[in-house]
Amino acid sequence: MQTPSNATGIEDIERFPKMFALTVDALEQNPYQDFWGDLFKRFELSNTWKDQFFTPHSICQAISAITAGGLTAQLEDKPWISVNDPACGAGALLIAFAQECRRQKVDYQQSVLFVAQDIDRTAALMCFIQLSLLGCVGYVVVGDSLLTPTVGPSVLLPVKQDGQEIWYTPMIYTGIWQYRLALEKIKHIPQ
């Protein structure tokens, strides 16, 4: 048996923990940045046949500030809200939304469900990594949001369709969100 020694062998395996450490370090220095999206753009790794465009973080911040006005008022009537990006890329808009929540003093880990979807698996998983490291509660769907949009009895209970993958962030397994999931399941029991 031959031991792999080329770029697709041991060296690649050793790169993953290094890349993870670099990602964590970058997000510790500046948590509200699109670290993976910026790398993707810088190294021109986007998929042109899917018309990928990674929105600059400053534009995402402006969009979030405009669309997320009055979050505190929205949360007076309900315990949580959801935000959805059906073409999430690496998650820049959702990261900017988390930043806007923080600016408005809204605890997004307790009050916001982040839902993302992208046709490109690499981009969707970059979004998953960044949302997970930011402590965002939610899930990322890998799939075409036009042909197979995220569906289910509620936004908290997505149903996986053919050709889709659903990646849940670790924070969805915390106490308050598990309680909310259980309540949603009870509300949608067929009678």
C-alpha atoms as a PDB file:
ATOM      1  CA  MET A   1       0.000   0.000   0.000  1.00  0.00           C
ATOM      2  CA  GLN A   2       1.364   3.343  -1.024  1.00  0.00           C
ATOM      3  CA  THR A   3       1.231   6.319   1.319  1.00  0.00           C
ATOM      4  CA  PRO A   4      -0.169   9.459  -0.312  1.00  0.00           C
ATOM      5  CA  SER A   5       2.505  12.105  -0.652  1.00  0.00           C
ATOM      6  CA  ASN A   6       1.062  14.351  -3.322  1.00  0.00           C
ATOM      7  CA  ALA A   7      -1.158  17.445  -2.943  1.00  0.00           C
ATOM      8  CA  THR A   8      -4.279  15.294  -2.642  1.00  0.00           C
ATOM      9  CA  GLY A   9      -2.930  13.265   0.259  1.00  0.00           C
ATOM     10  CA  ILE A  10      -1.529  13.971   3.680  1.00  0.00           C
ATOM     11  CA  GLU A  11      -0.662  17.593   2.897  1.00  0.00           C
ATOM     12  CA  ASP A  12      -4.321  18.336   2.118  1.00  0.00           C
ATOM     13  CA  ILE A  13      -5.487  16.638   5.294  1.00  0.00           C
ATOM     14  CA  GLU A  14      -3.025  18.718   7.314  1.00  0.00           C
ATOM     15  CA  ARG A  15      -4.304  21.911   5.676  1.00  0.00           C
ATOM     16  CA  PHE A  16      -7.809  21.605   7.150  1.00  0.00           C
ATOM     17  CA  PRO A  17      -6.916  22.267  10.803  1.00  0.00           C
ATOM     18  CA  LYS A  18      -4.642  25.107   9.665  1.00  0.00           C
ATOM     19  CA  MET A  19      -7.471  26.654   7.615  1.00  0.00           C
ATOM     20  CA  PHE A  20      -9.857  26.251  10.542  1.00  0.00           C
ATOM     21  CA  ALA A  21      -7.389  27.939  12.905  1.00  0.00           C
ATOM     22  CA  LEU A  22      -6.917  30.821  10.445  1.00  0.00           C
ATOM     23  CA  THR A  23     -10.693  31.213  10.151  1.00  0.00           C
ATOM     24  CA  VAL A  24     -11.215  31.250  13.913  1.00  0.00           C
ATOM     25  CA  ASP A  25      -8.356  33.709  14.370  1.00  0.00           C
ATOM     26  CA  ALA A  26      -9.737  36.038  11.676  1.00  0.00           C
ATOM     27  CA  LEU A  27     -13.248  35.949  13.153  1.00  0.00           C
ATOM     28  CA  GLU A  28     -11.893  36.551  16.665  1.00  0.00           C
ATOM     29  CA  GLN A  29     -10.147  39.677  15.404  1.00  0.00           C
ATOM     30  CA  ASN A  30     -13.231  40.868  13.499  1.00  0.00           C
ATOM     31  CA  PRO A  31     -16.300  38.669  14.007  1.00  0.00           C
ATOM     32  CA  TYR A  32     -18.526  40.575  11.608  1.00  0.00           C
ATOM     33  CA  GLN A  33     -16.711  40.081   8.337  1.00  0.00           C
ATOM     34  CA  ASP A  34     -17.227  37.780   5.386  1.00  0.00           C
ATOM     35  CA  PHE A  35     -13.848  36.084   5.776  1.00  0.00           C
ATOM     36  CA  TRP A  36     -14.526  33.169   3.425  1.00  0.00           C
ATOM     37  CA  GLY A  37     -16.343  35.280   0.842  1.00  0.00           C
ATOM     38  CA  ASP A  38     -13.440  37.724   0.739  1.00  0.00           C
ATOM     39  CA  LEU A  39     -10.972  34.855   0.230  1.00  0.00           C
ATOM     40  CA  PHE A  40     -13.178  33.410  -2.477  1.00  0.00           C
ATOM     41  CA  LYS A  41     -13.212  36.736  -4.321  1.00  0.00           C
ATOM     42  CA  ARG A  42      -9.520  37.426  -3.783  1.00  0.00           C
ATOM     43  CA  PHE A  43      -8.480  34.069  -5.257  1.00  0.00           C
ATOM     44  CA  GLU A  44     -11.169  34.228  -7.976  1.00  0.00           C
ATOM     45  CA  LEU A  45     -12.700  30.907  -6.989  1.00  0.00           C
ATOM     46  CA  SER A  46     -16.310  31.825  -7.759  1.00  0.00           C
ATOM     47  CA  ASN A  47     -18.255  29.714 -10.195  1.00  0.00           C
ATOM     48  CA  THR A  48     -19.053  31.846 -13.245  1.00  0.00           C
ATOM     49  CA  TRP A  49     -21.590  29.415 -14.726  1.00  0.00           C
ATOM     50  CA  LYS A  50     -23.698  29.906 -11.611  1.00  0.00           C
ATOM     51  CA  ASP A  51     -23.328  33.690 -11.910  1.00  0.00           C
ATOM     52  CA  GLN A  52     -21.824  33.951  -8.444  1.00  0.00           C
ATOM     53  CA  PHE A  53     -21.285  37.429  -7.112  1.00  0.00           C
ATOM     54  CA  PHE A  54     -20.099  38.008  -3.575  1.00  0.00           C
ATOM     55  CA  THR A  55     -21.623  41.230  -2.277  1.00  0.00           C
ATOM     56  CA  PRO A  56     -19.100  43.478  -0.498  1.00  0.00           C
ATOM     57  CA  HIS A  57     -19.556  43.600   3.264  1.00  0.00           C
ATOM     58  CA  SER A  58     -20.134  47.374   3.286  1.00  0.00           C
ATOM     59  CA  ILE A  59     -23.136  46.955   0.971  1.00  0.00           C
ATOM     60  CA  CYS A  60     -24.443  44.100   3.118  1.00  0.00           C
ATOM     61  CA  GLN A  61     -24.185  46.349   6.170  1.00  0.00           C
ATOM     62  CA  ALA A  62     -26.198  49.062   4.414  1.00  0.00           C
ATOM     63  CA  ILE A  63     -28.861  46.575   3.297  1.00  0.00           C
ATOM     64  CA  SER A  64     -29.124  45.155   6.821  1.00  0.00           C
ATOM     65  CA  ALA A  65     -29.411  48.593   8.400  1.00  0.00           C
ATOM     66  CA  ILE A  66     -32.237  49.482   6.006  1.00  0.00           C
ATOM     67  CA  THR A  67     -34.169  46.213   6.259  1.00  0.00           C
ATOM     68  CA  ALA A  68     -33.645  45.488   9.956  1.00  0.00           C
ATOM     69  CA  GLY A  69     -34.967  48.726  11.319  1.00  0.00           C
ATOM     70  CA  GLY A  70     -36.851  48.415  14.583  1.00  0.00           C
ATOM     71  CA  LEU A  71     -35.881  44.876  15.562  1.00  0.00           C
ATOM     72  CA  THR A  72     -36.650  45.553  19.198  1.00  0.00           C
ATOM     73  CA  ALA A  73     -40.206  46.605  18.297  1.00  0.00           C
ATOM     74  CA  GLN A  74     -40.670  43.464  16.172  1.00  0.00           C
ATOM     75  CA  LEU A  75     -39.586  41.309  19.099  1.00  0.00           C
ATOM     76  CA  GLU A  76     -42.074  42.908  21.503  1.00  0.00           C
ATOM     77  CA  ASP A  77     -44.897  40.810  20.020  1.00  0.00           C
ATOM     78  CA  LYS A  78     -43.029  37.550  19.442  1.00  0.00           C
ATOM     79  CA  PRO A  79     -40.119  35.702  21.045  1.00  0.00           C
ATOM     80  CA  TRP A  80     -38.088  35.381  17.843  1.00  0.00           C
ATOM     81  CA  ILE A  81     -37.902  36.357  14.187  1.00  0.00           C
ATOM     82  CA  SER A  82     -36.285  34.749  11.170  1.00  0.00           C
ATOM     83  CA  VAL A  83     -34.053  36.120   8.449  1.00  0.00           C
ATOM     84  CA  ASN A  84     -33.625  34.304   5.141  1.00  0.00           C
ATOM     85  CA  ASP A  85     -31.096  34.627   2.350  1.00  0.00           C
ATOM     86  CA  PRO A  86     -32.049  32.360  -0.592  1.00  0.00           C
ATOM     87  CA  ALA A  87     -28.751  33.010  -2.407  1.00  0.00           C
ATOM     88  CA  CYS A  88     -26.463  33.212   0.611  1.00  0.00           C
ATOM     89  CA  GLY A  89     -23.034  32.669  -0.900  1.00  0.00           C
ATOM     90  CA  ALA A  90     -20.601  32.699   2.019  1.00  0.00           C
ATOM     91  CA  GLY A  91     -23.188  34.435   4.231  1.00  0.00           C
ATOM     92  CA  ALA A  92     -22.229  38.106   3.978  1.00  0.00           C
ATOM     93  CA  LEU A  93     -25.813  39.426   4.258  1.00  0.00           C
ATOM     94  CA  LEU A  94     -26.579  37.204   7.239  1.00  0.00           C
ATOM     95  CA  ILE A  95     -23.326  38.177   8.951  1.00  0.00           C
ATOM     96  CA  ALA A  96     -24.194  41.841   8.423  1.00  0.00           C
ATOM     97  CA  PHE A  97     -27.676  41.152   9.848  1.00  0.00           C
ATOM     98  CA  ALA A  98     -26.099  39.631  12.975  1.00  0.00           C
ATOM     99  CA  GLN A  99     -23.925  42.729  13.239  1.00  0.00           C
ATOM    100  CA  GLU A 100     -27.011  44.946  12.916  1.00  0.00           C
ATOM    101  CA  CYS A 101     -28.744  42.932  15.640  1.00  0.00           C
ATOM    102  CA  ARG A 102     -25.815  43.558  17.916  1.00  0.00           C
ATOM    103  CA  ARG A 103     -25.860  47.279  17.051  1.00  0.00           C
ATOM    104  CA  GLN A 104     -29.553  47.379  18.031  1.00  0.00           C
ATOM    105  CA  LYS A 105     -28.768  45.408  21.223  1.00  0.00           C
ATOM    106  CA  VAL A 106     -30.767  42.366  20.081  1.00  0.00           C
ATOM    107  CA  ASP A 107     -29.381  39.013  21.233  1.00  0.00           C
ATOM    108  CA  TYR A 108     -29.473  37.168  17.917  1.00  0.00           C
ATOM    109  CA  GLN A 109     -28.559  33.865  19.585  1.00  0.00           C
ATOM    110  CA  GLN A 110     -31.852  33.972  21.480  1.00  0.00           C
ATOM    111  CA  SER A 111     -34.068  35.965  19.127  1.00  0.00           C
ATOM    112  CA  VAL A 112     -33.162  35.269  15.489  1.00  0.00           C
ATOM    113  CA  LEU A 113     -33.353  32.164  13.316  1.00  0.00           C
ATOM    114  CA  PHE A 114     -30.932  32.415  10.371  1.00  0.00           C
ATOM    115  CA  VAL A 115     -31.994  30.545   7.226  1.00  0.00           C
ATOM    116  CA  ALA A 116     -29.698  30.348   4.218  1.00  0.00           C
ATOM    117  CA  GLN A 117     -29.704  28.538   0.895  1.00  0.00           C
ATOM    118  CA  ASP A 118     -27.310  28.384  -2.023  1.00  0.00           C
ATOM    119  CA  ILE A 119     -27.052  26.279  -5.158  1.00  0.00           C
ATOM    120  CA  ASP A 120     -23.266  26.045  -4.787  1.00  0.00           C
ATOM    121  CA  ARG A 121     -22.276  23.534  -2.100  1.00  0.00           C
ATOM    122  CA  THR A 122     -18.904  25.162  -1.418  1.00  0.00           C
ATOM    123  CA  ALA A 123     -20.467  28.586  -0.904  1.00  0.00           C
ATOM    124  CA  ALA A 124     -23.256  27.180   1.279  1.00  0.00           C
ATOM    125  CA  LEU A 125     -20.778  25.356   3.489  1.00  0.00           C
ATOM    126  CA  MET A 126     -18.664  28.510   3.810  1.00  0.00           C
ATOM    127  CA  CYS A 127     -21.831  30.211   5.052  1.00  0.00           C
ATOM    128  CA  PHE A 128     -22.458  27.323   7.455  1.00  0.00           C
ATOM    129  CA  ILE A 129     -18.944  27.600   8.910  1.00  0.00           C
ATOM    130  CA  GLN A 130     -19.156  31.353   9.390  1.00  0.00           C
ATOM    131  CA  LEU A 131     -22.675  31.312  10.898  1.00  0.00           C
ATOM    132  CA  SER A 132     -21.651  28.470  13.206  1.00  0.00           C
ATOM    133  CA  LEU A 133     -18.540  30.295  14.428  1.00  0.00           C
ATOM    134  CA  LEU A 134     -20.582  33.465  15.021  1.00  0.00           C
ATOM    135  CA  GLY A 135     -23.022  31.490  17.160  1.00  0.00           C
ATOM    136  CA  CYS A 136     -25.987  32.089  14.855  1.00  0.00           C
ATOM    137  CA  VAL A 137     -28.962  29.767  15.261  1.00  0.00           C
ATOM    138  CA  GLY A 138     -30.318  28.247  12.078  1.00  0.00           C
ATOM    139  CA  TYR A 139     -29.585  26.120   9.080  1.00  0.00           C
ATOM    140  CA  VAL A 140     -28.079  26.278   5.624  1.00  0.00           C
ATOM    141  CA  VAL A 141     -29.690  24.458   2.720  1.00  0.00           C
ATOM    142  CA  VAL A 142     -27.583  23.299  -0.194  1.00  0.00           C
ATOM    143  CA  GLY A 143     -29.839  23.401  -3.234  1.00  0.00           C
ATOM    144  CA  ASP A 144     -31.418  25.562  -5.906  1.00  0.00           C
ATOM    145  CA  SER A 145     -33.733  28.040  -4.162  1.00  0.00           C
ATOM    146  CA  LEU A 146     -35.761  28.540  -7.358  1.00  0.00           C
ATOM    147  CA  LEU A 147     -36.331  24.886  -8.279  1.00  0.00           C
ATOM    148  CA  THR A 148     -36.364  23.478  -4.733  1.00  0.00           C
ATOM    149  CA  PRO A 149     -37.055  26.272  -2.250  1.00  0.00           C
ATOM    150  CA  THR A 150     -36.906  25.516   1.438  1.00  0.00           C
ATOM    151  CA  VAL A 151     -40.313  24.214   2.488  1.00  0.00           C
ATOM    152  CA  GLY A 152     -41.855  22.713   5.582  1.00  0.00           C
ATOM    153  CA  PRO A 153     -44.719  23.179   8.010  1.00  0.00           C
ATOM    154  CA  SER A 154     -42.860  26.176   9.455  1.00  0.00           C
ATOM    155  CA  VAL A 155     -39.535  27.955   9.064  1.00  0.00           C
ATOM    156  CA  LEU A 156     -38.315  26.032  12.117  1.00  0.00           C
ATOM    157  CA  LEU A 157     -39.203  22.685  10.538  1.00  0.00           C
ATOM    158  CA  PRO A 158     -37.715  22.533   7.048  1.00  0.00           C
ATOM    159  CA  VAL A 159     -38.316  19.372   5.050  1.00  0.00           C
ATOM    160  CA  LYS A 160     -35.366  18.086   3.041  1.00  0.00           C
ATOM    161  CA  GLN A 161     -36.244  17.678  -0.625  1.00  0.00           C
ATOM    162  CA  ASP A 162     -34.524  15.567  -3.271  1.00  0.00           C
ATOM    163  CA  GLY A 163     -31.156  17.028  -4.148  1.00  0.00           C
ATOM    164  CA  GLN A 164     -30.936  19.153  -0.994  1.00  0.00           C
ATOM    165  CA  GLU A 165     -28.736  18.996   2.073  1.00  0.00           C
ATOM    166  CA  ILE A 166     -29.660  20.762   5.301  1.00  0.00           C
ATOM    167  CA  TRP A 167     -26.843  21.770   7.654  1.00  0.00           C
ATOM    168  CA  TYR A 168     -27.964  22.871  11.152  1.00  0.00           C
ATOM    169  CA  THR A 169     -25.702  25.229  13.088  1.00  0.00           C
ATOM    170  CA  PRO A 170     -24.658  23.997  16.536  1.00  0.00           C
ATOM    171  CA  MET A 171     -26.611  26.756  18.332  1.00  0.00           C
ATOM    172  CA  ILE A 172     -29.925  25.270  17.216  1.00  0.00           C
ATOM    173  CA  TYR A 173     -29.271  22.494  19.735  1.00  0.00           C
ATOM    174  CA  THR A 174     -29.308  24.871  22.713  1.00  0.00           C
ATOM    175  CA  GLY A 175     -32.083  24.700  25.293  1.00  0.00           C
ATOM    176  CA  ILE A 176     -34.353  27.549  24.210  1.00  0.00           C
ATOM    177  CA  TRP A 177     -34.253  26.572  20.540  1.00  0.00           C
ATOM    178  CA  GLN A 178     -34.854  22.887  21.300  1.00  0.00           C
ATOM    179  CA  TYR A 179     -37.903  23.986  23.299  1.00  0.00           C
ATOM    180  CA  ARG A 180     -39.118  26.105  20.367  1.00  0.00           C
ATOM    181  CA  LEU A 181     -38.558  23.205  17.951  1.00  0.00           C
ATOM    182  CA  ALA A 182     -40.557  20.884  20.221  1.00  0.00           C
ATOM    183  CA  LEU A 183     -43.440  23.392  20.368  1.00  0.00           C
ATOM    184  CA  GLU A 184     -43.439  23.716  16.568  1.00  0.00           C
ATOM    185  CA  LYS A 185     -43.548  19.930  16.172  1.00  0.00           C
ATOM    186  CA  ILE A 186     -46.495  19.719  18.577  1.00  0.00           C
ATOM    187  CA  LYS A 187     -48.347  22.502  16.701  1.00  0.00           C
ATOM    188  CA  HIS A 188     -47.958  20.585  13.455  1.00  0.00           C
ATOM    189  CA  ILE A 189     -49.027  17.133  14.603  1.00  0.00           C
ATOM    190  CA  PRO A 190     -51.799  15.932  12.254  1.00  0.00           C
ATOM    191  CA  GLN A 191     -55.138  15.735  14.030  1.00  0.00           C
END
